[in-house]
């Protein structure tokens, strides 16, 4: 690689930026911000969120370039668009002046994106409360964390920038507790376990995530077996990190993919469910005054019906 090599390759929200020898000693936040055409503050926010890595390791905000290095940055520039409020029913679990907690339905996309510019949770939230934090721009206002389209359950959304920064920090520093219920294929033998790997883009299919040996981000999932059946199990999963498709990838990795998962277990399963049997059941966090709060969402009807059949031995 010479000092004049092209630096930026863009693919599906993942930016690959190569620093040359001449960049050695400089601050990575300044270099990367210039390459992406964004502000230094925005780049530091990406770094603080663990979205910048070198050789599979997260880059801190004060990182200095060592020479020829390849940075991977998860960054999708907001597409200019007008997100319209839509009168879509919401299952609101809690609301105050700083945040709103909802039970997201399976099948609902969180924020507008190509192919889904309406009918999203953001469209519904804008109609319901009108005041959401502006940190993530017009496309994802208030969105602190997300759930996959076909994952149901508890989500918190910030209604102002102070709440957004505070809630984001709780998730980043793992002080917010996120617990999920999952119905998986196979009899899980261990009562509980810990899955710790690197997760990155699947080199064979860039639309999928995978457990990788390099160029990935640390991902940790704890699980506990709540019920076991002859060919399936009900697990409680706790996220210690929040990588894309983390639970889905991790459970597939240990040989127990989620029932109904179209991406990581695309086979017939005999149950009536659209998408993976994964539910965000409980979220524990602190409000801006420091008071701990816990929110729960009941298991959706489709997962209840699957469990009923399994308990009957069907």
Protein backbone atom coordinates (compact mmCIF):
# COMPACT_ATOMS: atom_id res chain seq x y z
CA UNK A 1 0.00 0.00 0.00
CA UNK A 2 1.51 3.37 -0.91
CA UNK A 3 0.95 6.74 0.68
CA UNK A 4 -1.41 7.84 -2.10
CA UNK A 5 -3.78 4.87 -1.97
CA UNK A 6 -7.50 5.44 -2.32
CA UNK A 7 -9.00 5.54 1.11
CA UNK A 8 -12.72 5.03 1.32
CA UNK A 9 -14.90 2.17 0.15
CA UNK A 10 -18.63 2.37 0.89
CA UNK A 11 -20.84 -0.71 1.21
CA UNK A 12 -24.18 -1.12 2.95
CA UNK A 13 -23.50 1.32 5.80
CA UNK A 14 -20.00 -0.02 6.49
CA UNK A 15 -17.20 2.40 5.61
CA UNK A 16 -13.72 1.00 5.07
CA UNK A 17 -11.15 3.80 5.41
CA UNK A 18 -7.44 3.17 4.94
CA UNK A 19 -4.84 5.38 6.59
CA UNK A 20 -1.45 5.64 4.92
CA UNK A 21 2.03 6.06 6.44
CA UNK A 22 1.77 9.82 6.06
CA UNK A 23 -1.22 9.88 8.42
CA UNK A 24 0.74 8.33 11.32
CA UNK A 25 0.59 10.29 14.55
CA UNK A 26 -2.55 12.19 13.65
CA UNK A 27 -5.81 11.94 15.57
CA UNK A 28 -8.11 9.32 14.12
CA UNK A 29 -11.25 11.37 14.83
CA UNK A 30 -10.00 14.28 12.72
CA UNK A 31 -8.79 12.00 9.91
CA UNK A 32 -11.97 9.92 9.74
CA UNK A 33 -14.27 12.94 10.01
CA UNK A 34 -12.52 14.52 7.02
CA UNK A 35 -12.73 11.31 4.99
CA UNK A 36 -16.45 10.94 5.64
CA UNK A 37 -17.23 14.63 5.31
CA UNK A 38 -18.81 14.91 8.76
CA UNK A 39 -18.02 16.98 11.85
CA UNK A 40 -15.41 15.91 14.38
CA UNK A 41 -18.11 15.88 17.06
CA UNK A 42 -20.17 13.45 14.96
CA UNK A 43 -17.16 11.19 14.52
CA UNK A 44 -16.45 11.21 18.24
CA UNK A 45 -20.06 10.21 18.82
CA UNK A 46 -19.58 7.23 16.48
CA UNK A 47 -16.39 6.29 18.33
CA UNK A 48 -18.12 6.63 21.69
CA UNK A 49 -20.80 4.29 20.46
CA UNK A 50 -18.25 1.62 19.53
CA UNK A 51 -18.89 2.02 15.81
CA UNK A 52 -15.25 2.45 14.77
CA UNK A 53 -12.77 -0.44 14.83
CA UNK A 54 -9.22 -1.30 13.80
CA UNK A 55 -8.28 -4.98 13.52
CA UNK A 56 -11.48 -5.91 15.32
CA UNK A 57 -10.81 -3.62 18.30
CA UNK A 58 -12.92 -0.58 19.18
CA UNK A 59 -11.18 2.74 18.57
CA UNK A 60 -11.32 5.25 21.42
CA UNK A 61 -11.93 8.94 20.86
CA UNK A 62 -8.29 9.89 21.52
CA UNK A 63 -6.79 7.20 19.28
CA UNK A 64 -3.79 8.24 17.18
CA UNK A 65 -3.05 6.63 13.83
CA UNK A 66 -0.07 4.27 13.89
CA UNK A 67 0.55 4.14 10.14
CA UNK A 68 -0.99 1.89 7.53
CA UNK A 69 -4.26 0.95 9.20
CA UNK A 70 -7.70 -0.04 8.00
CA UNK A 71 -10.58 1.54 9.90
CA UNK A 72 -14.11 0.12 9.73
CA UNK A 73 -16.80 2.68 10.47
CA UNK A 74 -20.49 1.85 10.75
CA UNK A 75 -22.02 4.99 9.33
CA UNK A 76 -25.07 5.63 7.21
CA UNK A 77 -25.55 9.28 6.27
CA UNK A 78 -29.15 10.37 6.87
CA UNK A 79 -31.14 10.54 3.68
CA UNK A 80 -32.92 13.87 3.36
CA UNK A 81 -36.59 13.08 3.58
CA UNK A 82 -39.69 14.30 5.28
CA UNK A 83 -40.89 11.75 7.81
CA UNK A 84 -44.62 12.22 8.15
CA UNK A 85 -46.55 11.59 11.38
CA UNK A 86 -48.98 8.70 10.93
CA UNK A 87 -51.91 7.69 13.10
CA UNK A 88 -50.68 4.17 13.84
CA UNK A 89 -51.76 2.52 17.12
CA UNK A 90 -48.98 2.25 19.72
CA UNK A 91 -48.83 0.05 22.82
CA UNK A 92 -47.40 2.63 25.24
CA UNK A 93 -46.03 1.10 28.44
CA UNK A 94 -44.84 4.36 30.01
CA UNK A 95 -44.41 8.02 29.12
CA UNK A 96 -43.10 11.17 30.80
CA UNK A 97 -41.44 14.39 29.65
CA UNK A 98 -38.12 12.68 28.88
CA UNK A 99 -38.96 9.30 27.38
CA UNK A 100 -41.62 7.04 26.02
CA UNK A 101 -41.50 3.26 26.39
CA UNK A 102 -43.44 1.14 23.92
CA UNK A 103 -44.15 -2.51 23.24
CA UNK A 104 -43.17 -2.73 19.57
CA UNK A 105 -45.24 -5.11 17.50
CA UNK A 106 -43.62 -7.83 15.42
CA UNK A 107 -43.45 -6.74 11.81
CA UNK A 108 -43.04 -3.03 12.54
CA UNK A 109 -39.89 -1.37 11.20
CA UNK A 110 -38.31 1.02 13.71
CA UNK A 111 -37.32 3.90 11.40
CA UNK A 112 -37.71 4.84 7.74
CA UNK A 113 -35.25 3.22 5.34
CA UNK A 114 -35.23 2.19 1.67
CA UNK A 115 -38.39 0.22 1.05
CA UNK A 116 -40.00 1.35 4.31
CA UNK A 117 -40.64 5.08 4.24
CA UNK A 118 -43.96 4.87 6.05
CA UNK A 119 -45.69 2.70 8.63
CA UNK A 120 -42.66 2.72 10.92
CA UNK A 121 -42.41 3.21 14.66
CA UNK A 122 -40.95 6.68 14.06
CA UNK A 123 -43.98 7.66 11.95
CA UNK A 124 -46.25 6.50 14.76
CA UNK A 125 -44.21 8.26 17.46
CA UNK A 126 -44.24 11.57 15.61
CA UNK A 127 -48.04 11.46 15.54
CA UNK A 128 -48.32 10.38 19.17
CA UNK A 129 -46.00 12.80 20.95
CA UNK A 130 -44.49 15.21 18.38
CA UNK A 131 -41.49 15.99 20.66
CA UNK A 132 -38.55 13.61 20.11
CA UNK A 133 -34.82 14.19 20.50
CA UNK A 134 -33.10 15.52 17.41
CA UNK A 135 -29.69 13.89 17.88
CA UNK A 136 -30.26 11.22 15.23
CA UNK A 137 -31.73 13.66 12.73
CA UNK A 138 -35.09 13.59 10.99
CA UNK A 139 -34.88 9.94 9.96
CA UNK A 140 -34.39 8.44 13.42
CA UNK A 141 -35.55 11.03 15.97
CA UNK A 142 -35.42 9.77 19.54
CA UNK A 143 -34.15 6.32 18.63
CA UNK A 144 -31.68 5.25 21.33
CA UNK A 145 -31.57 1.55 20.41
CA UNK A 146 -33.49 -0.57 17.97
CA UNK A 147 -35.22 -3.90 17.53
CA UNK A 148 -35.26 -5.87 14.29
CA UNK A 149 -38.47 -5.63 12.29
CA UNK A 150 -39.65 -9.08 13.39
CA UNK A 151 -38.54 -8.79 17.02
CA UNK A 152 -41.29 -7.60 19.35
CA UNK A 153 -41.20 -6.01 22.78
CA UNK A 154 -39.90 -3.22 24.98
CA UNK A 155 -38.17 -0.20 23.43
CA UNK A 156 -37.33 3.16 24.99
CA UNK A 157 -37.34 6.36 22.92
CA UNK A 158 -35.90 9.72 24.02
CA UNK A 159 -38.08 12.83 23.92
CA UNK A 160 -35.23 15.36 24.29
CA UNK A 161 -31.49 15.50 23.70
CA UNK A 162 -30.50 15.26 27.39
CA UNK A 163 -32.51 12.08 27.76
CA UNK A 164 -31.08 10.72 24.51
CA UNK A 165 -27.48 11.19 25.65
CA UNK A 166 -28.20 9.74 29.10
CA UNK A 167 -30.07 6.68 27.82
CA UNK A 168 -27.47 6.04 25.10
CA UNK A 169 -24.72 6.12 27.72
CA UNK A 170 -26.56 3.61 29.91
CA UNK A 171 -26.82 1.20 26.99
CA UNK A 172 -23.21 1.79 25.92
CA UNK A 173 -21.86 1.28 29.46
CA UNK A 174 -24.10 -1.77 30.03
CA UNK A 175 -25.89 -0.27 33.03
CA UNK A 176 -29.21 -0.66 31.24
CA UNK A 177 -30.36 -4.28 31.45
CA UNK A 178 -32.01 -5.80 28.37
CA UNK A 179 -33.64 -9.23 28.66
CA UNK A 180 -35.23 -11.22 25.86
CA UNK A 181 -37.27 -14.40 25.54
CA UNK A 182 -36.39 -16.73 22.67
CA UNK A 183 -37.82 -20.01 21.39
CA UNK A 184 -35.04 -21.98 19.75
CA UNK A 185 -34.54 -25.22 17.89
CA UNK A 186 -33.00 -28.06 19.86
CA UNK A 187 -32.79 -29.21 23.46
CA UNK A 188 -30.40 -26.83 25.23
CA UNK A 189 -28.49 -29.01 27.67
CA UNK A 190 -26.82 -26.36 29.83
CA UNK A 191 -28.89 -24.48 32.38
CA UNK A 192 -27.11 -21.24 31.54
CA UNK A 193 -24.21 -20.02 29.48
CA UNK A 194 -22.22 -17.13 28.09
CA UNK A 195 -21.55 -16.57 24.39
CA UNK A 196 -18.66 -14.21 23.69
CA UNK A 197 -17.39 -13.72 20.14
CA UNK A 198 -16.62 -11.13 17.51
CA UNK A 199 -19.54 -10.31 15.22
CA UNK A 200 -19.05 -8.74 11.81
CA UNK A 201 -20.37 -8.83 8.27
CA UNK A 202 -20.57 -12.33 6.84
CA UNK A 203 -17.79 -12.38 4.20
CA UNK A 204 -19.95 -14.64 2.01
CA UNK A 205 -23.15 -12.58 2.33
CA UNK A 206 -22.89 -8.90 3.23
CA UNK A 207 -26.59 -8.79 4.15
CA UNK A 208 -25.95 -11.16 7.06
CA UNK A 209 -23.92 -10.87 10.23
CA UNK A 210 -21.70 -13.70 11.42
CA UNK A 211 -19.25 -14.79 14.08
CA UNK A 212 -15.86 -13.82 12.68
CA UNK A 213 -12.20 -14.15 13.62
CA UNK A 214 -11.23 -10.59 12.69
CA UNK A 215 -12.74 -7.26 11.62
CA UNK A 216 -15.63 -7.76 14.01
CA UNK A 217 -16.88 -6.19 17.24
CA UNK A 218 -17.01 -7.87 20.62
CA UNK A 219 -20.43 -9.32 21.39
CA UNK A 220 -21.54 -10.92 24.65
CA UNK A 221 -24.85 -12.69 25.27
CA UNK A 222 -25.86 -14.48 28.48
CA UNK A 223 -28.58 -17.13 28.32
CA UNK A 224 -30.61 -19.24 30.71
CA UNK A 225 -32.84 -22.21 29.88
CA UNK A 226 -36.35 -21.58 31.25
CA UNK A 227 -38.14 -24.56 29.68
CA UNK A 228 -36.98 -27.52 27.61
CA UNK A 229 -38.98 -29.66 25.24
CA UNK A 230 -38.02 -32.65 23.12
CA UNK A 231 -36.83 -30.60 20.15
CA UNK A 232 -37.09 -26.99 21.31
CA UNK A 233 -36.19 -24.77 24.26
CA UNK A 234 -37.35 -21.48 25.76
CA UNK A 235 -34.41 -19.27 26.69
CA UNK A 236 -33.99 -16.00 28.52
CA UNK A 237 -31.20 -13.98 26.91
CA UNK A 238 -29.47 -10.94 28.33
CA UNK A 239 -27.49 -8.57 26.11
CA UNK A 240 -24.22 -7.19 27.45
CA UNK A 241 -23.52 -5.60 24.07
CA UNK A 242 -25.84 -4.51 21.29
CA UNK A 243 -24.56 -5.70 17.94
CA UNK A 244 -26.73 -6.06 14.85
CA UNK A 245 -28.68 -9.36 14.99
CA UNK A 246 -26.60 -10.34 18.05
CA UNK A 247 -28.95 -12.85 19.69
CA UNK A 248 -29.91 -14.34 16.34
CA UNK A 249 -26.28 -14.81 15.30
CA UNK A 250 -25.12 -16.10 18.68
CA UNK A 251 -27.85 -18.68 19.13
CA UNK A 252 -27.36 -19.92 15.57
CA UNK A 253 -23.61 -20.11 16.29
CA UNK A 254 -24.13 -22.51 19.21
CA UNK A 255 -26.47 -24.70 17.19
CA UNK A 256 -29.79 -23.41 18.55
CA UNK A 257 -31.19 -20.96 15.97
CA UNK A 258 -34.40 -19.10 16.63
CA UNK A 259 -37.66 -20.63 15.46
CA UNK A 260 -38.88 -18.75 12.39
CA UNK A 261 -35.68 -16.82 11.74
CA UNK A 262 -35.72 -16.22 7.97
CA UNK A 263 -32.07 -15.12 7.79
CA UNK A 264 -30.25 -17.49 10.12
CA UNK A 265 -32.54 -20.55 10.02
CA UNK A 266 -34.46 -20.47 6.71
CA UNK A 267 -36.33 -23.76 6.98
CA UNK A 268 -39.83 -24.96 7.72
CA UNK A 269 -40.65 -25.14 11.41
CA UNK A 270 -44.35 -26.01 11.57
CA UNK A 271 -45.47 -23.03 13.65
CA UNK A 272 -47.54 -19.96 12.79
CA UNK A 273 -45.21 -17.01 13.22
CA UNK A 274 -43.92 -14.34 10.86
CA UNK A 275 -40.24 -13.88 11.61
CA UNK A 276 -38.06 -15.01 14.50
CA UNK A 277 -39.50 -16.04 17.86
CA UNK A 278 -37.67 -13.34 19.79
CA UNK A 279 -39.23 -10.88 22.24
CA UNK A 280 -37.74 -8.00 24.23
CA UNK A 281 -39.42 -8.89 27.51
CA UNK A 282 -37.84 -6.54 30.05
CA UNK A 283 -35.80 -3.33 30.06
CA UNK A 284 -34.33 -1.86 33.24
CA UNK A 285 -32.78 1.62 33.26
CA UNK A 286 -32.54 4.85 35.23
CA UNK A 287 -34.47 8.01 34.47
CA UNK A 288 -32.75 11.38 34.39
CA UNK A 289 -33.20 11.80 38.14
CA UNK A 290 -31.38 8.52 38.78
CA UNK A 291 -34.39 6.41 39.77
CA UNK A 292 -34.25 2.83 38.52
CA UNK A 293 -37.23 1.80 36.44
CA UNK A 294 -38.15 -1.55 34.91
CA UNK A 295 -40.54 -2.09 32.01
CA UNK A 296 -41.98 -5.40 30.85
CA UNK A 297 -43.97 -6.47 27.80
CA UNK A 298 -46.06 -9.65 27.79
CA UNK A 299 -45.16 -12.41 25.38
CA UNK A 300 -46.95 -11.89 22.05
CA UNK A 301 -49.78 -14.20 21.09
CA UNK A 302 -47.84 -16.03 18.37
CA UNK A 303 -45.09 -17.07 20.80
CA UNK A 304 -47.65 -18.01 23.47
CA UNK A 305 -49.34 -20.33 20.96
CA UNK A 306 -46.01 -21.97 20.08
CA UNK A 307 -45.28 -22.59 23.77
CA UNK A 308 -48.78 -23.99 24.31
CA UNK A 309 -48.21 -26.52 21.54
CA UNK A 310 -44.78 -27.46 22.87
CA UNK A 311 -46.14 -27.94 26.39
CA UNK A 312 -48.76 -30.28 25.00
CA UNK A 313 -46.07 -32.25 23.24
CA UNK A 314 -47.32 -31.32 19.77
